[in-house]
């Protein structure tokens, strides 16, 4: 099974709005349909309080749920979060 990278990008955009509200950003690094791996990076460069946003585990759950609404089947989610 593979997934549509455009569907992944739409899900990431949905979650980006949440992170941008706190001054951060979420970057789609790679969405590889052949390996089913989705790699993202949390950017907190302009955030004055990195711990004020969603905690890393909750953020990852939110991202996974947004992707699962658009992508059928299994996928591996890798989130590089500087708070970890």
Protein backbone atom coordinates (compact mmCIF):
# COMPACT_ATOMS: atom_id res chain seq x y z
CA UNK A 1 0.00 0.00 0.00
CA UNK A 2 1.18 3.54 -0.71
CA UNK A 3 -0.16 6.96 0.16
CA UNK A 4 -0.64 10.22 -1.70
CA UNK A 5 2.03 12.77 -0.70
CA UNK A 6 -0.48 15.57 -1.43
CA UNK A 7 -2.83 14.13 1.20
CA UNK A 8 0.04 14.10 3.68
CA UNK A 9 0.88 17.72 2.84
CA UNK A 10 -2.75 18.74 3.43
CA UNK A 11 -2.71 17.08 6.86
CA UNK A 12 0.55 18.78 7.77
CA UNK A 13 -0.89 22.14 6.73
CA UNK A 14 -3.83 21.56 9.07
CA UNK A 15 -1.51 21.03 12.05
CA UNK A 16 0.83 23.85 11.00
CA UNK A 17 -1.90 26.35 11.84
CA UNK A 18 -1.86 25.20 15.45
CA UNK A 19 1.92 25.48 15.76
CA UNK A 20 2.08 28.80 13.93
CA UNK A 21 -0.36 30.27 16.45
CA UNK A 22 2.43 29.84 19.02
CA UNK A 23 5.12 31.25 16.68
CA UNK A 24 6.55 27.90 15.57
CA UNK A 25 6.25 25.91 12.38
CA UNK A 26 5.93 22.34 11.15
CA UNK A 27 7.99 21.36 8.13
CA UNK A 28 7.29 18.37 5.90
CA UNK A 29 10.77 16.94 5.36
CA UNK A 30 9.76 13.87 3.36
CA UNK A 31 6.73 11.75 2.53
CA UNK A 32 7.98 8.57 0.86
CA UNK A 33 5.16 6.38 -0.50
CA UNK A 34 7.58 3.49 -1.15
CA UNK A 35 8.67 3.20 2.50
CA UNK A 36 5.45 4.61 4.03
CA UNK A 37 7.63 6.95 6.10
CA UNK A 38 6.56 10.53 6.79
CA UNK A 39 9.26 12.76 8.26
CA UNK A 40 8.47 16.13 9.82
CA UNK A 41 10.43 18.74 11.75
CA UNK A 42 9.17 21.14 14.37
CA UNK A 43 10.76 24.59 14.03
CA UNK A 44 10.75 26.74 17.15
CA UNK A 45 13.16 29.48 16.04
CA UNK A 46 10.72 32.38 16.65
CA UNK A 47 9.08 30.93 19.76
CA UNK A 48 9.72 32.74 23.04
CA UNK A 49 8.31 29.88 25.14
CA UNK A 50 8.98 26.48 23.55
CA UNK A 51 7.10 24.66 26.31
CA UNK A 52 3.97 26.84 25.94
CA UNK A 53 2.75 24.96 22.84
CA UNK A 54 1.49 21.40 22.60
CA UNK A 55 3.81 18.96 24.42
CA UNK A 56 5.82 16.75 22.01
CA UNK A 57 3.76 13.58 22.63
CA UNK A 58 0.44 15.38 22.22
CA UNK A 59 1.70 17.16 19.12
CA UNK A 60 2.77 13.86 17.57
CA UNK A 61 -0.66 12.35 18.34
CA UNK A 62 -2.36 15.36 16.73
CA UNK A 63 -0.19 15.05 13.62
CA UNK A 64 -0.78 11.29 13.36
CA UNK A 65 -4.55 11.77 13.69
CA UNK A 66 -4.61 14.47 11.00
CA UNK A 67 -2.64 12.23 8.62
CA UNK A 68 -4.77 9.16 9.43
CA UNK A 69 -7.91 11.10 8.41
CA UNK A 70 -6.43 11.49 4.92
CA UNK A 71 -4.21 8.43 4.48
CA UNK A 72 -5.53 4.88 4.55
CA UNK A 73 -3.43 2.14 6.06
CA UNK A 74 -0.18 2.06 7.97
CA UNK A 75 2.53 4.69 7.89
CA UNK A 76 5.60 5.48 9.95
CA UNK A 77 5.67 8.97 11.43
CA UNK A 78 9.01 10.52 12.39
CA UNK A 79 8.83 13.93 14.08
CA UNK A 80 12.06 15.78 14.86
CA UNK A 81 11.11 18.01 17.78
CA UNK A 82 13.93 20.02 19.42
CA UNK A 83 12.15 19.74 22.79
CA UNK A 84 12.91 16.00 22.95
